[in-house]
Amino acid sequence: MGAYTRKDKSAIAQDIDMVLELFSQLKDRTKQKAGTLSTGEQQMLAIGRTLMLKPKLLLADEPSLGLSPNYLELIFDRLVEINKNGTSILLVEQNASEALEIAHRGYVFNIGEIVLEDTGKKLLSDKKVKKAFLGG
């Protein structure tokens, strides 16, 4: 579905292989209906479908929502890999500690306004951020 606007069949096949390498859990599920996949597998499928369009920017809105800890780690690891392969990512995430671990740049919002901005690592270690958002 992610490549329905594309006409380059050989490149589409290569991109499908790339997505299945990135999300190897989906290799055995290619004939399965999307609605029958687990929540984590559905998230992988959604990201993979988006990658088929070869985006320069991937918008990820709460990719960890409803995921088990194993899938949460996998999704964040894959987002890092996608970014390293040249796709910029705008990540909106309530799981602040996971998001700031991988973020190059972070913005902390409070009631619709940016109250802090810095590198992800600096925000992760900021006392105000820890107290307000990380339970510390």
Foldseek 3Di string as FASTA:
>chain_A
DLCPVPDPVVVLVVLVVVLCVLVVVCVVVPVPDLVVDDLLVNLSVVVSSPCSPVALEAEAEASCPPHDPVSNVSVLVSVLVVVVVRRHYDYHHLQLLSCLVRFQKDFDDDPRDTPDIDGSVVLNPDPVCCVPRVVD
